């Protein structure tokens, strides 16, 4: 009986040791903080992955996320500098940077942290957009606006929170204002198109006028050049004739050729009778060949 009791005590002791060892072992993952508390007070924070130990039955542990968290902000209305209402739908990326402050100020609650982020980011967004016109908000939404909103969020250090980024998913007009804005935009684009068309037609008319003027100048210059060439040709023609008539032998030949041209011209309109005087160079040819009457021209 004593041996049985001794074995039971030994087993119980081993179980107690195993339970104590298991309760003393702390496992920390890559994406989490392990908070060690003793009687509710934080005594140790493990922020690196691995194994650690705590005092069993006296100390307990709590886990907090050690990674980048995403919080989708509630959709809210903001008013621009030119009194235009816009609907903002954004989200933030954040992380716990100081677990001690996070526990002390926010009671270790991620929900409390998100509520505080929502308030601070909305206030910064409202202040930033209220100092910008609607066109400036739309043109700066890709990066400048998000950077300005993020820079306006202050005081998160006291909560042990780090704000990594503020991103806008949608920044649009309220549904009841969209149609009026679209119609105004269409009207403005039509006015711009009409202005471009008028400017194009004016430029085209200017180009046509300049082209017509250049064509007239070129035609005038070409005509003047043609007249000069014609005058030079006629002068050359007269010079050649003068040279030809200066030689008696050539003069007689050219007189004969001109007589033939005259006879040809006289018979051009269906006439088949040619009258020549006895002193005509052509008549001399016919007299020399024994002809006393004129013959039809070939």
C-alpha atoms as a PDB file:
ATOM      1  CA  UNK A   1       0.000   0.000   0.000  1.00  0.00           C
ATOM      2  CA  UNK A   2       2.816   2.394   0.852  1.00  0.00           C
ATOM      3  CA  UNK A   3       4.459   1.666  -2.486  1.00  0.00           C
ATOM      4  CA  UNK A   4       1.244   2.467  -4.349  1.00  0.00           C
ATOM      5  CA  UNK A   5       0.839   5.737  -2.467  1.00  0.00           C
ATOM      6  CA  UNK A   6       4.453   6.632  -3.227  1.00  0.00           C
ATOM      7  CA  UNK A   7       3.927   5.973  -6.940  1.00  0.00           C
ATOM      8  CA  UNK A   8       0.794   8.088  -6.988  1.00  0.00           C
ATOM      9  CA  UNK A   9       2.623  10.972  -5.343  1.00  0.00           C
ATOM     10  CA  UNK A  10       5.432  10.621  -7.870  1.00  0.00           C
ATOM     11  CA  UNK A  11       3.038  10.731 -10.794  1.00  0.00           C
ATOM     12  CA  UNK A  12       1.257  13.749  -9.367  1.00  0.00           C
ATOM     13  CA  UNK A  13       4.592  15.516  -8.870  1.00  0.00           C
ATOM     14  CA  UNK A  14       5.609  14.801 -12.446  1.00  0.00           C
ATOM     15  CA  UNK A  15       2.282  16.117 -13.707  1.00  0.00           C
ATOM     16  CA  UNK A  16       2.690  19.251 -11.633  1.00  0.00           C
ATOM     17  CA  UNK A  17       6.185  19.758 -13.017  1.00  0.00           C
ATOM     18  CA  UNK A  18       4.970  19.251 -16.593  1.00  0.00           C
ATOM     19  CA  UNK A  19       2.040  21.610 -16.116  1.00  0.00           C
ATOM     20  CA  UNK A  20       4.334  24.189 -14.539  1.00  0.00           C
ATOM     21  CA  UNK A  21       6.859  23.851 -17.353  1.00  0.00           C
ATOM     22  CA  UNK A  22       4.116  24.213 -19.934  1.00  0.00           C
ATOM     23  CA  UNK A  23       2.757  27.253 -18.117  1.00  0.00           C
ATOM     24  CA  UNK A  24       6.219  28.803 -17.970  1.00  0.00           C
ATOM     25  CA  UNK A  25       6.899  28.435 -21.719  1.00  0.00           C
ATOM     26  CA  UNK A  26       5.980  31.449 -23.896  1.00  0.00           C
ATOM     27  CA  UNK A  27       5.936  31.233 -27.723  1.00  0.00           C
ATOM     28  CA  UNK A  28       6.094  34.508 -29.697  1.00  0.00           C
ATOM     29  CA  UNK A  29       5.236  34.472 -33.430  1.00  0.00           C
ATOM     30  CA  UNK A  30       6.671  36.753 -36.124  1.00  0.00           C
ATOM     31  CA  UNK A  31       3.526  38.869 -36.434  1.00  0.00           C
ATOM     32  CA  UNK A  32       2.744  39.471 -32.762  1.00  0.00           C
ATOM     33  CA  UNK A  33       3.859  41.015 -29.513  1.00  0.00           C
ATOM     34  CA  UNK A  34       3.760  38.922 -26.318  1.00  0.00           C
ATOM     35  CA  UNK A  35       2.905  40.934 -23.236  1.00  0.00           C
ATOM     36  CA  UNK A  36       3.839  39.369 -19.865  1.00  0.00           C
ATOM     37  CA  UNK A  37       1.753  40.604 -16.918  1.00  0.00           C
ATOM     38  CA  UNK A  38       2.198  40.008 -13.231  1.00  0.00           C
ATOM     39  CA  UNK A  39      -0.834  40.806 -11.123  1.00  0.00           C
ATOM     40  CA  UNK A  40      -2.123  42.952 -13.988  1.00  0.00           C
ATOM     41  CA  UNK A  41       1.081  44.981 -14.370  1.00  0.00           C
ATOM     42  CA  UNK A  42       3.162  44.710 -17.536  1.00  0.00           C
ATOM     43  CA  UNK A  43       6.583  43.361 -16.628  1.00  0.00           C
ATOM     44  CA  UNK A  44       7.919  42.297 -20.013  1.00  0.00           C
ATOM     45  CA  UNK A  45       7.255  42.720 -23.750  1.00  0.00           C
ATOM     46  CA  UNK A  46       8.584  40.213 -26.314  1.00  0.00           C
ATOM     47  CA  UNK A  47       8.718  41.720 -29.828  1.00  0.00           C
ATOM     48  CA  UNK A  48      10.891  39.088 -31.551  1.00  0.00           C
ATOM     49  CA  UNK A  49       9.864  35.607 -32.576  1.00  0.00           C
ATOM     50  CA  UNK A  50      11.049  32.727 -30.377  1.00  0.00           C
ATOM     51  CA  UNK A  51      10.657  31.022 -26.980  1.00  0.00           C
ATOM     52  CA  UNK A  52      10.746  32.688 -23.568  1.00  0.00           C
ATOM     53  CA  UNK A  53       9.661  31.885 -20.015  1.00  0.00           C
ATOM     54  CA  UNK A  54       7.407  33.304 -17.330  1.00  0.00           C
ATOM     55  CA  UNK A  55       6.586  32.416 -13.771  1.00  0.00           C
ATOM     56  CA  UNK A  56       3.735  29.896 -13.791  1.00  0.00           C
ATOM     57  CA  UNK A  57       0.519  30.716 -11.950  1.00  0.00           C
ATOM     58  CA  UNK A  58       1.822  34.217 -11.154  1.00  0.00           C
ATOM     59  CA  UNK A  59       2.409  35.722 -14.555  1.00  0.00           C
ATOM     60  CA  UNK A  60       0.095  35.573 -17.563  1.00  0.00           C
ATOM     61  CA  UNK A  61       0.484  36.634 -21.206  1.00  0.00           C
ATOM     62  CA  UNK A  62      -1.418  38.703 -23.776  1.00  0.00           C
ATOM     63  CA  UNK A  63      -0.974  38.901 -27.564  1.00  0.00           C
ATOM     64  CA  UNK A  64      -1.021  42.073 -29.682  1.00  0.00           C
ATOM     65  CA  UNK A  65      -0.549  42.271 -33.464  1.00  0.00           C
ATOM     66  CA  UNK A  66       2.960  43.194 -34.601  1.00  0.00           C
ATOM     67  CA  UNK A  67       2.158  43.781 -38.278  1.00  0.00           C
ATOM     68  CA  UNK A  68       0.715  46.428 -40.569  1.00  0.00           C
ATOM     69  CA  UNK A  69      -3.034  46.723 -40.022  1.00  0.00           C
ATOM     70  CA  UNK A  70      -5.666  48.078 -42.398  1.00  0.00           C
ATOM     71  CA  UNK A  71      -8.612  50.110 -41.184  1.00  0.00           C
ATOM     72  CA  UNK A  72     -11.384  51.147 -43.591  1.00  0.00           C
ATOM     73  CA  UNK A  73     -12.579  54.600 -42.547  1.00  0.00           C
ATOM     74  CA  UNK A  74     -16.305  55.342 -42.583  1.00  0.00           C
ATOM     75  CA  UNK A  75     -17.518  57.184 -45.702  1.00  0.00           C
ATOM     76  CA  UNK A  76     -17.848  60.878 -44.843  1.00  0.00           C
ATOM     77  CA  UNK A  77     -18.755  64.207 -46.446  1.00  0.00           C
ATOM     78  CA  UNK A  78     -16.212  67.014 -46.716  1.00  0.00           C
ATOM     79  CA  UNK A  79     -16.608  70.579 -48.009  1.00  0.00           C
ATOM     80  CA  UNK A  80     -14.037  72.241 -50.256  1.00  0.00           C
ATOM     81  CA  UNK A  81     -12.856  75.844 -50.144  1.00  0.00           C
ATOM     82  CA  UNK A  82     -15.290  76.799 -52.919  1.00  0.00           C
ATOM     83  CA  UNK A  83     -18.180  75.300 -50.916  1.00  0.00           C
ATOM     84  CA  UNK A  84     -18.521  72.074 -52.904  1.00  0.00           C
ATOM     85  CA  UNK A  85     -19.517  68.942 -51.023  1.00  0.00           C
ATOM     86  CA  UNK A  86     -17.552  65.775 -51.773  1.00  0.00           C
ATOM     87  CA  UNK A  87     -17.843  62.202 -50.522  1.00  0.00           C
ATOM     88  CA  UNK A  88     -14.586  60.711 -49.215  1.00  0.00           C
ATOM     89  CA  UNK A  89     -14.028  56.967 -48.872  1.00  0.00           C
ATOM     90  CA  UNK A  90     -10.559  56.209 -47.495  1.00  0.00           C
ATOM     91  CA  UNK A  91      -8.529  53.686 -45.548  1.00  0.00           C
ATOM     92  CA  UNK A  92      -5.399  53.845 -43.399  1.00  0.00           C
ATOM     93  CA  UNK A  93      -2.443  51.558 -42.836  1.00  0.00           C
ATOM     94  CA  UNK A  94      -1.121  51.561 -39.274  1.00  0.00           C
ATOM     95  CA  UNK A  95       0.776  49.500 -36.723  1.00  0.00           C
ATOM     96  CA  UNK A  96       1.426  49.316 -33.002  1.00  0.00           C
ATOM     97  CA  UNK A  97       4.840  50.881 -32.461  1.00  0.00           C
ATOM     98  CA  UNK A  98       4.934  50.973 -28.636  1.00  0.00           C
ATOM     99  CA  UNK A  99       2.952  48.189 -26.913  1.00  0.00           C
ATOM    100  CA  UNK A 100       3.433  49.754 -23.447  1.00  0.00           C
ATOM    101  CA  UNK A 101       1.764  53.053 -24.444  1.00  0.00           C
ATOM    102  CA  UNK A 102      -0.856  51.182 -26.455  1.00  0.00           C
ATOM    103  CA  UNK A 103      -1.849  49.171 -23.396  1.00  0.00           C
ATOM    104  CA  UNK A 104      -1.805  52.149 -21.030  1.00  0.00           C
ATOM    105  CA  UNK A 105      -3.771  54.610 -23.210  1.00  0.00           C
ATOM    106  CA  UNK A 106      -6.068  52.373 -25.260  1.00  0.00           C
ATOM    107  CA  UNK A 107      -6.515  49.447 -22.887  1.00  0.00           C
ATOM    108  CA  UNK A 108      -4.931  47.044 -25.396  1.00  0.00           C
ATOM    109  CA  UNK A 109      -7.941  47.462 -27.689  1.00  0.00           C
ATOM    110  CA  UNK A 110      -7.530  47.561 -31.466  1.00  0.00           C
ATOM    111  CA  UNK A 111     -11.099  48.878 -31.726  1.00  0.00           C
ATOM    112  CA  UNK A 112     -10.218  51.819 -29.497  1.00  0.00           C
ATOM    113  CA  UNK A 113      -7.202  52.525 -31.684  1.00  0.00           C
ATOM    114  CA  UNK A 114      -9.316  52.435 -34.856  1.00  0.00           C
ATOM    115  CA  UNK A 115     -11.841  54.814 -33.320  1.00  0.00           C
ATOM    116  CA  UNK A 116      -9.075  57.266 -32.442  1.00  0.00           C
ATOM    117  CA  UNK A 117      -7.583  56.940 -35.930  1.00  0.00           C
ATOM    118  CA  UNK A 118     -10.971  57.582 -37.515  1.00  0.00           C
ATOM    119  CA  UNK A 119     -11.413  60.827 -35.575  1.00  0.00           C
ATOM    120  CA  UNK A 120      -7.899  62.176 -36.175  1.00  0.00           C
ATOM    121  CA  UNK A 121      -7.749  61.267 -39.882  1.00  0.00           C
ATOM    122  CA  UNK A 122     -11.205  62.689 -40.561  1.00  0.00           C
ATOM    123  CA  UNK A 123     -10.297  65.977 -38.855  1.00  0.00           C
ATOM    124  CA  UNK A 124      -7.104  66.204 -40.891  1.00  0.00           C
ATOM    125  CA  UNK A 125      -8.960  65.374 -44.107  1.00  0.00           C
ATOM    126  CA  UNK A 126     -11.638  67.980 -43.373  1.00  0.00           C
ATOM    127  CA  UNK A 127      -9.048  70.674 -42.608  1.00  0.00           C
ATOM    128  CA  UNK A 128      -6.946  69.838 -45.664  1.00  0.00           C
ATOM    129  CA  UNK A 129      -9.809  69.739 -48.170  1.00  0.00           C
ATOM    130  CA  UNK A 130     -11.466  72.842 -46.732  1.00  0.00           C
ATOM    131  CA  UNK A 131      -8.385  74.811 -47.808  1.00  0.00           C
ATOM    132  CA  UNK A 132      -8.511  73.574 -51.413  1.00  0.00           C
ATOM    133  CA  UNK A 133     -10.821  74.187 -54.356  1.00  0.00           C
ATOM    134  CA  UNK A 134     -12.639  71.220 -55.845  1.00  0.00           C
ATOM    135  CA  UNK A 135     -10.423  71.216 -58.937  1.00  0.00           C
ATOM    136  CA  UNK A 136      -7.309  71.187 -56.727  1.00  0.00           C
ATOM    137  CA  UNK A 137      -8.687  68.276 -54.708  1.00  0.00           C
ATOM    138  CA  UNK A 138      -9.389  66.262 -57.871  1.00  0.00           C
ATOM    139  CA  UNK A 139      -6.022  67.019 -59.461  1.00  0.00           C
ATOM    140  CA  UNK A 140      -4.101  66.221 -56.264  1.00  0.00           C
ATOM    141  CA  UNK A 141      -5.886  63.034 -55.237  1.00  0.00           C
ATOM    142  CA  UNK A 142      -3.178  60.694 -56.620  1.00  0.00           C
ATOM    143  CA  UNK A 143      -0.491  61.549 -54.073  1.00  0.00           C
ATOM    144  CA  UNK A 144      -0.354  65.116 -52.883  1.00  0.00           C
ATOM    145  CA  UNK A 145      -3.702  65.015 -51.110  1.00  0.00           C
ATOM    146  CA  UNK A 146      -2.920  61.770 -49.245  1.00  0.00           C
ATOM    147  CA  UNK A 147       0.444  63.157 -48.160  1.00  0.00           C
ATOM    148  CA  UNK A 148      -1.147  66.379 -46.904  1.00  0.00           C
ATOM    149  CA  UNK A 149      -3.797  64.457 -44.941  1.00  0.00           C
ATOM    150  CA  UNK A 150      -1.202  62.155 -43.393  1.00  0.00           C
ATOM    151  CA  UNK A 151       0.963  65.140 -42.402  1.00  0.00           C
ATOM    152  CA  UNK A 152      -2.029  66.691 -40.646  1.00  0.00           C
ATOM    153  CA  UNK A 153      -2.538  63.694 -38.343  1.00  0.00           C
ATOM    154  CA  UNK A 154      -0.600  64.350 -35.129  1.00  0.00           C
ATOM    155  CA  UNK A 155      -0.541  63.025 -31.593  1.00  0.00           C
ATOM    156  CA  UNK A 156      -0.559  59.295 -32.373  1.00  0.00           C
ATOM    157  CA  UNK A 157       2.777  58.777 -30.608  1.00  0.00           C
ATOM    158  CA  UNK A 158       1.081  59.101 -27.217  1.00  0.00           C
ATOM    159  CA  UNK A 159      -1.020  56.057 -28.069  1.00  0.00           C
ATOM    160  CA  UNK A 160       1.911  53.967 -29.268  1.00  0.00           C
ATOM    161  CA  UNK A 161       0.544  54.017 -32.830  1.00  0.00           C
ATOM    162  CA  UNK A 162       2.387  54.675 -36.097  1.00  0.00           C
ATOM    163  CA  UNK A 163       0.378  55.890 -39.105  1.00  0.00           C
ATOM    164  CA  UNK A 164       1.977  54.461 -42.247  1.00  0.00           C
ATOM    165  CA  UNK A 165      -0.299  55.753 -45.028  1.00  0.00           C
ATOM    166  CA  UNK A 166      -3.649  57.351 -45.788  1.00  0.00           C
ATOM    167  CA  UNK A 167      -5.158  56.258 -49.109  1.00  0.00           C
ATOM    168  CA  UNK A 168      -8.325  57.487 -50.821  1.00  0.00           C
ATOM    169  CA  UNK A 169     -10.427  54.838 -52.544  1.00  0.00           C
ATOM    170  CA  UNK A 170     -13.070  57.258 -53.782  1.00  0.00           C
ATOM    171  CA  UNK A 171     -13.413  61.022 -53.714  1.00  0.00           C
ATOM    172  CA  UNK A 172     -16.592  61.887 -55.545  1.00  0.00           C
ATOM    173  CA  UNK A 173     -19.575  64.184 -55.635  1.00  0.00           C
ATOM    174  CA  UNK A 174     -22.847  63.394 -53.869  1.00  0.00           C
ATOM    175  CA  UNK A 175     -25.324  61.641 -56.133  1.00  0.00           C
ATOM    176  CA  UNK A 176     -27.730  64.597 -56.216  1.00  0.00           C
ATOM    177  CA  UNK A 177     -24.973  66.923 -57.494  1.00  0.00           C
ATOM    178  CA  UNK A 178     -23.415  64.672 -60.116  1.00  0.00           C
ATOM    179  CA  UNK A 179     -25.873  65.336 -62.930  1.00  0.00           C
ATOM    180  CA  UNK A 180     -25.617  69.115 -62.599  1.00  0.00           C
ATOM    181  CA  UNK A 181     -21.846  68.935 -62.513  1.00  0.00           C
ATOM    182  CA  UNK A 182     -21.756  66.613 -65.531  1.00  0.00           C
ATOM    183  CA  UNK A 183     -23.980  68.997 -67.511  1.00  0.00           C
ATOM    184  CA  UNK A 184     -21.793  71.939 -66.573  1.00  0.00           C
ATOM    185  CA  UNK A 185     -18.682  70.013 -67.577  1.00  0.00           C
ATOM    186  CA  UNK A 186     -20.275  69.098 -70.920  1.00  0.00           C
ATOM    187  CA  UNK A 187     -21.191  72.744 -71.515  1.00  0.00           C
ATOM    188  CA  UNK A 188     -17.678  73.875 -70.659  1.00  0.00           C
ATOM    189  CA  UNK A 189     -16.145  71.277 -72.989  1.00  0.00           C
ATOM    190  CA  UNK A 190     -18.529  72.337 -75.781  1.00  0.00           C
ATOM    191  CA  UNK A 191     -17.484  75.953 -75.296  1.00  0.00           C
ATOM    192  CA  UNK A 192     -13.840  74.974 -75.412  1.00  0.00           C
ATOM    193  CA  UNK A 193     -14.466  72.913 -78.567  1.00  0.00           C
ATOM    194  CA  UNK A 194     -16.272  75.854 -80.203  1.00  0.00           C
ATOM    195  CA  UNK A 195     -13.398  78.155 -79.307  1.00  0.00           C
ATOM    196  CA  UNK A 196     -10.866  75.730 -80.789  1.00  0.00           C
ATOM    197  CA  UNK A 197     -13.005  75.417 -83.931  1.00  0.00           C
ATOM    198  CA  UNK A 198     -13.222  79.192 -84.332  1.00  0.00           C
ATOM    199  CA  UNK A 199      -9.494  79.572 -83.781  1.00  0.00           C
ATOM    200  CA  UNK A 200      -8.850  76.802 -86.311  1.00  0.00           C
ATOM    201  CA  UNK A 201     -11.087  78.398 -88.919  1.00  0.00           C
ATOM    202  CA  UNK A 202      -9.433  81.781 -88.344  1.00  0.00           C
ATOM    203  CA  UNK A 203      -5.998  80.230 -88.701  1.00  0.00           C
ATOM    204  CA  UNK A 204      -7.120  78.356 -91.823  1.00  0.00           C
ATOM    205  CA  UNK A 205      -8.462  81.576 -93.380  1.00  0.00           C
ATOM    206  CA  UNK A 206      -5.197  83.315 -92.552  1.00  0.00           C
ATOM    207  CA  UNK A 207      -3.205  80.511 -94.176  1.00  0.00           C
ATOM    208  CA  UNK A 208      -5.459  80.576 -97.253  1.00  0.00           C
ATOM    209  CA  UNK A 209      -5.072  84.360 -97.573  1.00  0.00           C
ATOM    210  CA  UNK A 210      -1.307  84.126 -97.239  1.00  0.00           C
ATOM    211  CA  UNK A 211      -1.216  81.288 -99.768  1.00  0.00           C
ATOM    212  CA  UNK A 212      -3.365  83.210-102.265  1.00  0.00           C
ATOM    213  CA  UNK A 213      -1.131  86.230-101.828  1.00  0.00           C
ATOM    214  CA  UNK A 214       1.986  84.131-102.404  1.00  0.00           C
ATOM    215  CA  UNK A 215       0.366  82.548-105.482  1.00  0.00           C
ATOM    216  CA  UNK A 216      -0.479  85.992-106.903  1.00  0.00           C
ATOM    217  CA  UNK A 217       3.070  87.189-106.258  1.00  0.00           C
ATOM    218  CA  UNK A 218       4.507  84.082-107.926  1.00  0.00           C
ATOM    219  CA  UNK A 219       2.152  84.443-110.917  1.00  0.00           C
ATOM    220  CA  UNK A 220       3.024  88.131-111.237  1.00  0.00           C
ATOM    221  CA  UNK A 221       6.727  87.362-111.073  1.00  0.00           C
ATOM    222  CA  UNK A 222       6.327  84.540-113.582  1.00  0.00           C
ATOM    223  CA  UNK A 223       4.342  86.792-115.939  1.00  0.00           C
ATOM    224  CA  UNK A 224       6.955  89.524-115.655  1.00  0.00           C
ATOM    225  CA  UNK A 225       9.693  87.001-116.309  1.00  0.00           C
ATOM    226  CA  UNK A 226       7.757  85.641-119.297  1.00  0.00           C
ATOM    227  CA  UNK A 227       7.390  89.133-120.717  1.00  0.00           C
ATOM    228  CA  UNK A 228      11.103  89.719-120.246  1.00  0.00           C
ATOM    229  CA  UNK A 229      11.898  86.431-121.970  1.00  0.00           C
ATOM    230  CA  UNK A 230       9.428  87.222-124.757  1.00  0.00           C
ATOM    231  CA  UNK A 231      10.985  90.653-125.229  1.00  0.00           C
ATOM    232  CA  UNK A 232      14.444  89.104-125.259  1.00  0.00           C
ATOM    233  CA  UNK A 233      13.236  86.512-127.786  1.00  0.00           C
ATOM    234  CA  UNK A 234      11.729  89.166-130.035  1.00  0.00           C
ATOM    235  CA  UNK A 235      14.893  91.226-129.776  1.00  0.00           C
ATOM    236  CA  UNK A 236      16.924  88.155-130.676  1.00  0.00           C
ATOM    237  CA  UNK A 237      14.531  87.489-133.547  1.00  0.00           C
ATOM    238  CA  UNK A 238      14.932  91.030-134.850  1.00  0.00           C
ATOM    239  CA  UNK A 239      18.690  90.768-134.478  1.00  0.00           C
ATOM    240  CA  UNK A 240      18.737  87.571-136.502  1.00  0.00           C
ATOM    241  CA  UNK A 241      16.563  89.189-139.192  1.00  0.00           C
ATOM    242  CA  UNK A 242      18.761  92.224-139.189  1.00  0.00           C
ATOM    243  CA  UNK A 243      21.831  90.061-139.612  1.00  0.00           C
ATOM    244  CA  UNK A 244      20.097  88.106-142.359  1.00  0.00           C
ATOM    245  CA  UNK A 245      19.018  91.224-144.298  1.00  0.00           C
ATOM    246  CA  UNK A 246      22.437  92.704-143.984  1.00  0.00           C
ATOM    247  CA  UNK A 247      23.683  90.025-146.423  1.00  0.00           C
ATOM    248  CA  UNK A 248      22.304  90.605-149.966  1.00  0.00           C
ATOM    249  CA  UNK A 249      22.264  86.913-150.908  1.00  0.00           C
ATOM    250  CA  UNK A 250      20.421  85.967-147.718  1.00  0.00           C
ATOM    251  CA  UNK A 251      18.122  88.965-148.044  1.00  0.00           C
ATOM    252  CA  UNK A 252      16.952  87.802-151.462  1.00  0.00           C
ATOM    253  CA  UNK A 253      16.297  84.307-150.096  1.00  0.00           C
ATOM    254  CA  UNK A 254      14.389  85.563-147.047  1.00  0.00           C
ATOM    255  CA  UNK A 255      12.314  87.866-149.266  1.00  0.00           C
ATOM    256  CA  UNK A 256      11.398  84.872-151.360  1.00  0.00           C
ATOM    257  CA  UNK A 257      10.481  82.802-148.275  1.00  0.00           C
ATOM    258  CA  UNK A 258       8.367  85.624-146.933  1.00  0.00           C
ATOM    259  CA  UNK A 259       6.641  85.846-150.298  1.00  0.00           C
ATOM    260  CA  UNK A 260       5.796  82.162-150.111  1.00  0.00           C
ATOM    261  CA  UNK A 261       4.406  82.654-146.604  1.00  0.00           C
ATOM    262  CA  UNK A 262       2.267  85.515-147.841  1.00  0.00           C
ATOM    263  CA  UNK A 263       0.990  83.447-150.776  1.00  0.00           C
ATOM    264  CA  UNK A 264       0.183  80.576-148.430  1.00  0.00           C
ATOM    265  CA  UNK A 265      -1.718  82.885-146.139  1.00  0.00           C
ATOM    266  CA  UNK A 266      -3.715  84.273-149.086  1.00  0.00           C
ATOM    267  CA  UNK A 267      -4.830  80.774-150.111  1.00  0.00           C
ATOM    268  CA  UNK A 268      -5.637  79.600-146.551  1.00  0.00           C
ATOM    269  CA  UNK A 269      -9.377  80.370-146.586  1.00  0.00           C
ATOM    270  CA  UNK A 270     -10.392  78.161-149.555  1.00  0.00           C
ATOM    271  CA  UNK A 271      -9.090  80.533-152.220  1.00  0.00           C
ATOM    272  CA  UNK A 272      -7.541  78.760-155.223  1.00  0.00           C
ATOM    273  CA  UNK A 273      -6.566  81.791-157.327  1.00  0.00           C
ATOM    274  CA  UNK A 274      -3.461  83.844-156.688  1.00  0.00           C
ATOM    275  CA  UNK A 275      -2.788  87.106-158.526  1.00  0.00           C
ATOM    276  CA  UNK A 276       0.843  88.110-158.856  1.00  0.00           C
ATOM    277  CA  UNK A 277       2.334  91.163-160.406  1.00  0.00           C
ATOM    278  CA  UNK A 278       5.152  90.924-162.959  1.00  0.00           C
ATOM    279  CA  UNK A 279       7.632  92.347-160.480  1.00  0.00           C
ATOM    280  CA  UNK A 280       6.833  89.752-157.792  1.00  0.00           C
ATOM    281  CA  UNK A 281       9.671  87.341-156.952  1.00  0.00           C
ATOM    282  CA  UNK A 282       7.187  84.472-157.167  1.00  0.00           C
ATOM    283  CA  UNK A 283       5.987  85.583-160.597  1.00  0.00           C
ATOM    284  CA  UNK A 284       9.549  85.504-161.834  1.00  0.00           C
ATOM    285  CA  UNK A 285       9.715  81.813-160.954  1.00  0.00           C
ATOM    286  CA  UNK A 286       6.552  81.058-162.905  1.00  0.00           C
ATOM    287  CA  UNK A 287       7.700  83.194-165.894  1.00  0.00           C
ATOM    288  CA  UNK A 288      11.028  81.400-165.972  1.00  0.00           C
ATOM    289  CA  UNK A 289       9.162  78.084-166.210  1.00  0.00           C
ATOM    290  CA  UNK A 290       6.961  79.283-169.125  1.00  0.00           C
ATOM    291  CA  UNK A 291       3.823  79.849-167.084  1.00  0.00           C
ATOM    292  CA  UNK A 292       1.862  83.006-167.787  1.00  0.00           C
ATOM    293  CA  UNK A 293      -1.083  82.175-165.523  1.00  0.00           C
ATOM    294  CA  UNK A 294      -1.106  81.577-161.876  1.00  0.00           C
ATOM    295  CA  UNK A 295      -1.601  77.975-160.754  1.00  0.00           C
ATOM    296  CA  UNK A 296      -3.359  76.762-157.667  1.00  0.00           C
ATOM    297  CA  UNK A 297      -1.125  76.501-154.620  1.00  0.00           C
ATOM    298  CA  UNK A 298      -0.429  72.981-153.354  1.00  0.00           C
END
